[in-house]
Amino acid sequence: FTYCPECGAKLLPRVLGDEGAVPFCESCDRP
């Protein structure tokens, strides 16, 4: 995923525990 399939916002990498950097939607607040 490069863009959020829900709202279309560009996803940004966010470190999520042991998963490392995961594409994350700041608008929808979900990986």
ModelCIF file with pLDDT and N, C-alpha, C, O atoms, coordinates in Angstrom:
data_MODEL
#
_entry.id   MODEL 
#
_entity.id                         1 
_entity.type                       polymer 
_entity.pdbx_number_of_molecules   1 
#
_entity_poly.entity_id                      1 
_entity_poly.type                           'polypeptide(L)' 
_entity_poly.nstd_linkage                   no 
_entity_poly.nstd_monomer                   no 
_entity_poly.pdbx_seq_one_letter_code       FTYCPECGAKLLPRVLGDEGAVPFCESCDRP 
_entity_poly.pdbx_seq_one_letter_code_can   FTYCPECGAKLLPRVLGDEGAVPFCESCDRP 
_entity_poly.pdbx_strand_id                 A 
#
loop_
_entity_poly_seq.entity_id 
_entity_poly_seq.num 
_entity_poly_seq.mon_id 
_entity_poly_seq.hetero 
1 1  PHE n 
1 2  THR n 
1 3  TYR n 
1 4  CYS n 
1 5  PRO n 
1 6  GLU n 
1 7  CYS n 
1 8  GLY n 
1 9  ALA n 
1 10 LYS n 
1 11 LEU n 
1 12 LEU n 
1 13 PRO n 
1 14 ARG n 
1 15 VAL n 
1 16 LEU n 
1 17 GLY n 
1 18 ASP n 
1 19 GLU n 
1 20 GLY n 
1 21 ALA n 
1 22 VAL n 
1 23 PRO n 
1 24 PHE n 
1 25 CYS n 
1 26 GLU n 
1 27 SER n 
1 28 CYS n 
1 29 ASP n 
1 30 ARG n 
1 31 PRO n 
#
_struct_asym.id          A 
_struct_asym.entity_id   1 
#
loop_
_ma_qa_metric.id 
_ma_qa_metric.mode 
_ma_qa_metric.name 
_ma_qa_metric.software_group_id 
_ma_qa_metric.type 
1 global pLDDT . pLDDT 
2 local  pLDDT . pLDDT 
#
_ma_qa_metric_global.metric_id      1 
_ma_qa_metric_global.metric_value   95.87 
_ma_qa_metric_global.model_id       1 
_ma_qa_metric_global.ordinal_id     1 
#
loop_
_ma_qa_metric_local.label_asym_id 
_ma_qa_metric_local.label_comp_id 
_ma_qa_metric_local.label_seq_id 
_ma_qa_metric_local.metric_id 
_ma_qa_metric_local.metric_value 
_ma_qa_metric_local.model_id 
_ma_qa_metric_local.ordinal_id 
A PHE 1  2 94.00 1 1  
A THR 2  2 96.00 1 2  
A TYR 3  2 97.00 1 3  
A CYS 4  2 97.00 1 4  
A PRO 5  2 95.00 1 5  
A GLU 6  2 95.00 1 6  
A CYS 7  2 97.00 1 7  
A GLY 8  2 97.00 1 8  
A ALA 9  2 97.00 1 9  
A LYS 10 2 97.00 1 10 
A LEU 11 2 97.00 1 11 
A LEU 12 2 97.00 1 12 
A PRO 13 2 96.00 1 13 
A ARG 14 2 96.00 1 14 
A VAL 15 2 96.00 1 15 
A LEU 16 2 94.00 1 16 
A GLY 17 2 92.00 1 17 
A ASP 18 2 94.00 1 18 
A GLU 19 2 93.00 1 19 
A GLY 20 2 94.00 1 20 
A ALA 21 2 95.00 1 21 
A VAL 22 2 95.00 1 22 
A PRO 23 2 96.00 1 23 
A PHE 24 2 97.00 1 24 
A CYS 25 2 97.00 1 25 
A GLU 26 2 97.00 1 26 
A SER 27 2 97.00 1 27 
A CYS 28 2 97.00 1 28 
A ASP 29 2 97.00 1 29 
A ARG 30 2 96.00 1 30 
A PRO 31 2 97.00 1 31 
#
loop_
_atom_site.group_PDB 
_atom_site.id 
_atom_site.type_symbol 
_atom_site.label_atom_id 
_atom_site.label_alt_id 
_atom_site.label_comp_id 
_atom_site.label_asym_id 
_atom_site.label_entity_id 
_atom_site.label_seq_id 
_atom_site.pdbx_PDB_ins_code 
_atom_site.Cartn_x 
_atom_site.Cartn_y 
_atom_site.Cartn_z 
_atom_site.occupancy 
_atom_site.B_iso_or_equiv 
_atom_site.pdbx_formal_charge 
_atom_site.auth_seq_id 
_atom_site.auth_comp_id 
_atom_site.auth_asym_id 
_atom_site.auth_atom_id 
_atom_site.pdbx_PDB_model_num 
ATOM 1   N N  . PHE A 1 1  ? 0.826   -1.208 0.000  1.00 94.00 ? 1  PHE A N  1 
ATOM 2   C CA . PHE A 1 1  ? 0.000   0.000  0.000  1.00 94.00 ? 1  PHE A CA 1 
ATOM 3   C C  . PHE A 1 1  ? 0.861   1.258  0.000  1.00 94.00 ? 1  PHE A C  1 
ATOM 4   O O  . PHE A 1 1  ? 1.805   1.377  0.780  1.00 94.00 ? 1  PHE A O  1 
ATOM 5   N N  . THR A 1 2  ? 0.525   2.189  -0.879 1.00 96.00 ? 2  THR A N  1 
ATOM 6   C CA . THR A 1 2  ? 1.156   3.505  -0.922 1.00 96.00 ? 2  THR A CA 1 
ATOM 7   C C  . THR A 1 2  ? 0.165   4.569  -0.476 1.00 96.00 ? 2  THR A C  1 
ATOM 8   O O  . THR A 1 2  ? 0.538   5.557  0.157  1.00 96.00 ? 2  THR A O  1 
ATOM 9   N N  . TYR A 1 3  ? -1.120  4.353  -0.817 1.00 97.00 ? 3  TYR A N  1 
ATOM 10  C CA . TYR A 1 3  ? -2.197  5.269  -0.446 1.00 97.00 ? 3  TYR A CA 1 
ATOM 11  C C  . TYR A 1 3  ? -3.253  4.507  0.352  1.00 97.00 ? 3  TYR A C  1 
ATOM 12  O O  . TYR A 1 3  ? -3.427  3.302  0.168  1.00 97.00 ? 3  TYR A O  1 
ATOM 13  N N  . CYS A 1 4  ? -3.937  5.193  1.211  1.00 97.00 ? 4  CYS A N  1 
ATOM 14  C CA . CYS A 1 4  ? -4.972  4.595  2.045  1.00 97.00 ? 4  CYS A CA 1 
ATOM 15  C C  . CYS A 1 4  ? -6.145  4.164  1.164  1.00 97.00 ? 4  CYS A C  1 
ATOM 16  O O  . CYS A 1 4  ? -6.679  4.978  0.412  1.00 97.00 ? 4  CYS A O  1 
ATOM 17  N N  . PRO A 1 5  ? -6.552  2.893  1.248  1.00 95.00 ? 5  PRO A N  1 
ATOM 18  C CA . PRO A 1 5  ? -7.692  2.449  0.444  1.00 95.00 ? 5  PRO A CA 1 
ATOM 19  C C  . PRO A 1 5  ? -9.026  2.990  0.960  1.00 95.00 ? 5  PRO A C  1 
ATOM 20  O O  . PRO A 1 5  ? -10.040 2.873  0.273  1.00 95.00 ? 5  PRO A O  1 
ATOM 21  N N  . GLU A 1 6  ? -9.040  3.577  2.152  1.00 95.00 ? 6  GLU A N  1 
ATOM 22  C CA . GLU A 1 6  ? -10.268 4.138  2.718  1.00 95.00 ? 6  GLU A CA 1 
ATOM 23  C C  . GLU A 1 6  ? -10.469 5.602  2.319  1.00 95.00 ? 6  GLU A C  1 
ATOM 24  O O  . GLU A 1 6  ? -11.532 5.981  1.828  1.00 95.00 ? 6  GLU A O  1 
ATOM 25  N N  . CYS A 1 7  ? -9.420  6.426  2.539  1.00 97.00 ? 7  CYS A N  1 
ATOM 26  C CA . CYS A 1 7  ? -9.585  7.874  2.303  1.00 97.00 ? 7  CYS A CA 1 
ATOM 27  C C  . CYS A 1 7  ? -8.705  8.422  1.196  1.00 97.00 ? 7  CYS A C  1 
ATOM 28  O O  . CYS A 1 7  ? -8.903  9.560  0.769  1.00 97.00 ? 7  CYS A O  1 
ATOM 29  N N  . GLY A 1 8  ? -7.742  7.652  0.719  1.00 97.00 ? 8  GLY A N  1 
ATOM 30  C CA . GLY A 1 8  ? -6.883  8.083  -0.385 1.00 97.00 ? 8  GLY A CA 1 
ATOM 31  C C  . GLY A 1 8  ? -5.645  8.852  0.035  1.00 97.00 ? 8  GLY A C  1 
ATOM 32  O O  . GLY A 1 8  ? -4.848  9.231  -0.823 1.00 97.00 ? 8  GLY A O  1 
ATOM 33  N N  . ALA A 1 9  ? -5.455  9.097  1.328  1.00 97.00 ? 9  ALA A N  1 
ATOM 34  C CA . ALA A 1 9  ? -4.278  9.848  1.798  1.00 97.00 ? 9  ALA A CA 1 
ATOM 35  C C  . ALA A 1 9  ? -3.010  9.041  1.560  1.00 97.00 ? 9  ALA A C  1 
ATOM 36  O O  . ALA A 1 9  ? -3.032  7.811  1.586  1.00 97.00 ? 9  ALA A O  1 
ATOM 37  N N  . LYS A 1 10 ? -1.903  9.745  1.328  1.00 97.00 ? 10 LYS A N  1 
ATOM 38  C CA . LYS A 1 10 ? -0.607  9.088  1.187  1.00 97.00 ? 10 LYS A CA 1 
ATOM 39  C C  . LYS A 1 10 ? -0.230  8.477  2.532  1.00 97.00 ? 10 LYS A C  1 
ATOM 40  O O  . LYS A 1 10 ? -0.327  9.132  3.570  1.00 97.00 ? 10 LYS A O  1 
ATOM 41  N N  . LEU A 1 11 ? 0.198   7.223  2.504  1.00 97.00 ? 11 LEU A N  1 
ATOM 42  C CA . LEU A 1 11 ? 0.592   6.542  3.727  1.00 97.00 ? 11 LEU A CA 1 
ATOM 43  C C  . LEU A 1 11 ? 2.034   6.891  4.072  1.00 97.00 ? 11 LEU A C  1 
ATOM 44  O O  . LEU A 1 11 ? 2.880   7.051  3.192  1.00 97.00 ? 11 LEU A O  1 
ATOM 45  N N  . LEU A 1 12 ? 2.294   7.006  5.357  1.00 97.00 ? 12 LEU A N  1 
ATOM 46  C CA . LEU A 1 12 ? 3.629   7.332  5.850  1.00 97.00 ? 12 LEU A CA 1 
ATOM 47  C C  . LEU A 1 12 ? 4.122   6.167  6.708  1.00 97.00 ? 12 LEU A C  1 
ATOM 48  O O  . LEU A 1 12 ? 3.330   5.529  7.402  1.00 97.00 ? 12 LEU A O  1 
ATOM 49  N N  . PRO A 1 13 ? 5.426   5.887  6.664  1.00 96.00 ? 13 PRO A N  1 
ATOM 50  C CA . PRO A 1 13 ? 5.923   4.793  7.500  1.00 96.00 ? 13 PRO A CA 1 
ATOM 51  C C  . PRO A 1 13 ? 5.826   5.152  8.983  1.00 96.00 ? 13 PRO A C  1 
ATOM 52  O O  . PRO A 1 13 ? 6.180   6.257  9.396  1.00 96.00 ? 13 PRO A O  1 
ATOM 53  N N  . ARG A 1 14 ? 5.340   4.195  9.767  1.00 96.00 ? 14 ARG A N  1 
ATOM 54  C CA . ARG A 1 14 ? 5.270   4.369  11.211 1.00 96.00 ? 14 ARG A CA 1 
ATOM 55  C C  . ARG A 1 14 ? 5.766   3.072  11.848 1.00 96.00 ? 14 ARG A C  1 
ATOM 56  O O  . ARG A 1 14 ? 5.343   1.980  11.470 1.00 96.00 ? 14 ARG A O  1 
ATOM 57  N N  . VAL A 1 15 ? 6.656   3.210  12.808 1.00 96.00 ? 15 VAL A N  1 
ATOM 58  C CA . VAL A 1 15 ? 7.173   2.041  13.502 1.00 96.00 ? 15 VAL A CA 1 
ATOM 59  C C  . VAL A 1 15 ? 6.095   1.519  14.444 1.00 96.00 ? 15 VAL A C  1 
ATOM 60  O O  . VAL A 1 15 ? 5.583   2.245  15.297 1.00 96.00 ? 15 VAL A O  1 
ATOM 61  N N  . LEU A 1 16 ? 5.762   0.233  14.267 1.00 94.00 ? 16 LEU A N  1 
ATOM 62  C CA . LEU A 1 16 ? 4.752   -0.415 15.097 1.00 94.00 ? 16 LEU A CA 1 
ATOM 63  C C  . LEU A 1 16 ? 5.382   -1.622 15.789 1.00 94.00 ? 16 LEU A C  1 
ATOM 64  O O  . LEU A 1 16 ? 5.367   -2.734 15.260 1.00 94.00 ? 16 LEU A O  1 
ATOM 65  N N  . GLY A 1 17 ? 5.930   -1.385 16.972 1.00 92.00 ? 17 GLY A N  1 
ATOM 66  C CA . GLY A 1 17 ? 6.510   -2.463 17.772 1.00 92.00 ? 17 GLY A CA 1 
ATOM 67  C C  . GLY A 1 17 ? 7.495   -3.298 16.990 1.00 92.00 ? 17 GLY A C  1 
ATOM 68  O O  . GLY A 1 17 ? 8.378   -2.767 16.317 1.00 92.00 ? 17 GLY A O  1 
ATOM 69  N N  . ASP A 1 18 ? 7.341   -4.608 17.081 1.00 94.00 ? 18 ASP A N  1 
ATOM 70  C CA . ASP A 1 18 ? 8.249   -5.542 16.416 1.00 94.00 ? 18 ASP A CA 1 
ATOM 71  C C  . ASP A 1 18 ? 8.061   -5.584 14.905 1.00 94.00 ? 18 ASP A C  1 
ATOM 72  O O  . ASP A 1 18 ? 8.889   -6.158 14.197 1.00 94.00 ? 18 ASP A O  1 
ATOM 73  N N  . GLU A 1 19 ? 7.000   -4.994 14.407 1.00 93.00 ? 19 GLU A N  1 
ATOM 74  C CA . GLU A 1 19 ? 6.725   -5.017 12.969 1.00 93.00 ? 19 GLU A CA 1 
ATOM 75  C C  . GLU A 1 19 ? 7.647   -4.092 12.183 1.00 93.00 ? 19 GLU A C  1 
ATOM 76  O O  . GLU A 1 19 ? 7.796   -4.250 10.971 1.00 93.00 ? 19 GLU A O  1 
ATOM 77  N N  . GLY A 1 20 ? 8.260   -3.140 12.853 1.00 94.00 ? 20 GLY A N  1 
ATOM 78  C CA . GLY A 1 20 ? 9.093   -2.161 12.157 1.00 94.00 ? 20 GLY A CA 1 
ATOM 79  C C  . GLY A 1 20 ? 8.225   -1.101 11.511 1.00 94.00 ? 20 GLY A C  1 
ATOM 80  O O  . GLY A 1 20 ? 7.101   -0.847 11.945 1.00 94.00 ? 20 GLY A O  1 
ATOM 81  N N  . ALA A 1 21 ? 8.767   -0.480 10.457 1.00 95.00 ? 21 ALA A N  1 
ATOM 82  C CA . ALA A 1 21 ? 8.042   0.585  9.766  1.00 95.00 ? 21 ALA A CA 1 
ATOM 83  C C  . ALA A 1 21 ? 6.947   -0.023 8.892  1.00 95.00 ? 21 ALA A C  1 
ATOM 84  O O  . ALA A 1 21 ? 7.209   -0.882 8.050  1.00 95.00 ? 21 ALA A O  1 
ATOM 85  N N  . VAL A 1 22 ? 5.722   0.439  9.107  1.00 95.00 ? 22 VAL A N  1 
ATOM 86  C CA . VAL A 1 22 ? 4.547   -0.053 8.395  1.00 95.00 ? 22 VAL A CA 1 
ATOM 87  C C  . VAL A 1 22 ? 3.838   1.145  7.773  1.00 95.00 ? 22 VAL A C  1 
ATOM 88  O O  . VAL A 1 22 ? 3.737   2.192  8.411  1.00 95.00 ? 22 VAL A O  1 
ATOM 89  N N  . PRO A 1 23 ? 3.333   1.012  6.516  1.00 96.00 ? 23 PRO A N  1 
ATOM 90  C CA . PRO A 1 23 ? 2.550   2.103  5.937  1.00 96.00 ? 23 PRO A CA 1 
ATOM 91  C C  . PRO A 1 23 ? 1.363   2.442  6.847  1.00 96.00 ? 23 PRO A C  1 
ATOM 92  O O  . PRO A 1 23 ? 0.604   1.560  7.249  1.00 96.00 ? 23 PRO A O  1 
ATOM 93  N N  . PHE A 1 24 ? 1.217   3.735  7.164  1.00 97.00 ? 24 PHE A N  1 
ATOM 94  C CA . PHE A 1 24 ? 0.217   4.146  8.150  1.00 97.00 ? 24 PHE A CA 1 
ATOM 95  C C  . PHE A 1 24 ? -0.541  5.350  7.621  1.00 97.00 ? 24 PHE A C  1 
ATOM 96  O O  . PHE A 1 24 ? 0.049   6.273  7.060  1.00 97.00 ? 24 PHE A O  1 
ATOM 97  N N  . CYS A 1 25 ? -1.867  5.330  7.808  1.00 97.00 ? 25 CYS A N  1 
ATOM 98  C CA . CYS A 1 25 ? -2.711  6.455  7.419  1.00 97.00 ? 25 CYS A CA 1 
ATOM 99  C C  . CYS A 1 25 ? -2.943  7.323  8.649  1.00 97.00 ? 25 CYS A C  1 
ATOM 100 O O  . CYS A 1 25 ? -3.564  6.887  9.619  1.00 97.00 ? 25 CYS A O  1 
ATOM 101 N N  . GLU A 1 26 ? -2.443  8.547  8.604  1.00 97.00 ? 26 GLU A N  1 
ATOM 102 C CA . GLU A 1 26 ? -2.633  9.480  9.720  1.00 97.00 ? 26 GLU A CA 1 
ATOM 103 C C  . GLU A 1 26 ? -4.102  9.890  9.841  1.00 97.00 ? 26 GLU A C  1 
ATOM 104 O O  . GLU A 1 26 ? -4.593  10.107 10.948 1.00 97.00 ? 26 GLU A O  1 
ATOM 105 N N  . SER A 1 27 ? -4.805  9.997  8.712  1.00 97.00 ? 27 SER A N  1 
ATOM 106 C CA . SER A 1 27 ? -6.212  10.409 8.729  1.00 97.00 ? 27 SER A CA 1 
ATOM 107 C C  . SER A 1 27 ? -7.114  9.351  9.346  1.00 97.00 ? 27 SER A C  1 
ATOM 108 O O  . SER A 1 27 ? -7.981  9.673  10.159 1.00 97.00 ? 27 SER A O  1 
ATOM 109 N N  . CYS A 1 28 ? -6.923  8.111  8.974  1.00 97.00 ? 28 CYS A N  1 
ATOM 110 C CA . CYS A 1 28 ? -7.772  7.014  9.473  1.00 97.00 ? 28 CYS A CA 1 
ATOM 111 C C  . CYS A 1 28 ? -7.199  6.389  10.747 1.00 97.00 ? 28 CYS A C  1 
ATOM 112 O O  . CYS A 1 28 ? -7.860  5.588  11.408 1.00 97.00 ? 28 CYS A O  1 
ATOM 113 N N  . ASP A 1 29 ? -5.975  6.761  11.077 1.00 97.00 ? 29 ASP A N  1 
ATOM 114 C CA . ASP A 1 29 ? -5.302  6.261  12.281 1.00 97.00 ? 29 ASP A CA 1 
ATOM 115 C C  . ASP A 1 29 ? -5.226  4.731  12.285 1.00 97.00 ? 29 ASP A C  1 
ATOM 116 O O  . ASP A 1 29 ? -5.588  4.070  13.259 1.00 97.00 ? 29 ASP A O  1 
ATOM 117 N N  . ARG A 1 30 ? -4.727  4.178  11.125 1.00 96.00 ? 30 ARG A N  1 
ATOM 118 C CA . ARG A 1 30 ? -4.588  2.724  11.061 1.00 96.00 ? 30 ARG A CA 1 
ATOM 119 C C  . ARG A 1 30 ? -3.468  2.313  10.116 1.00 96.00 ? 30 ARG A C  1 
ATOM 120 O O  . ARG A 1 30 ? -3.178  3.005  9.140  1.00 96.00 ? 30 ARG A O  1 
ATOM 121 N N  . PRO A 1 31 ? -2.843  1.176  10.418 1.00 97.00 ? 31 PRO A N  1 
ATOM 122 C CA . PRO A 1 31 ? -1.778  0.658  9.557  1.00 97.00 ? 31 PRO A CA 1 
ATOM 123 C C  . PRO A 1 31 ? -2.367  -0.154 8.405  1.00 97.00 ? 31 PRO A C  1 
ATOM 124 O O  . PRO A 1 31 ? -1.623  -0.673 7.572  1.00 97.00 ? 31 PRO A O  1 
#
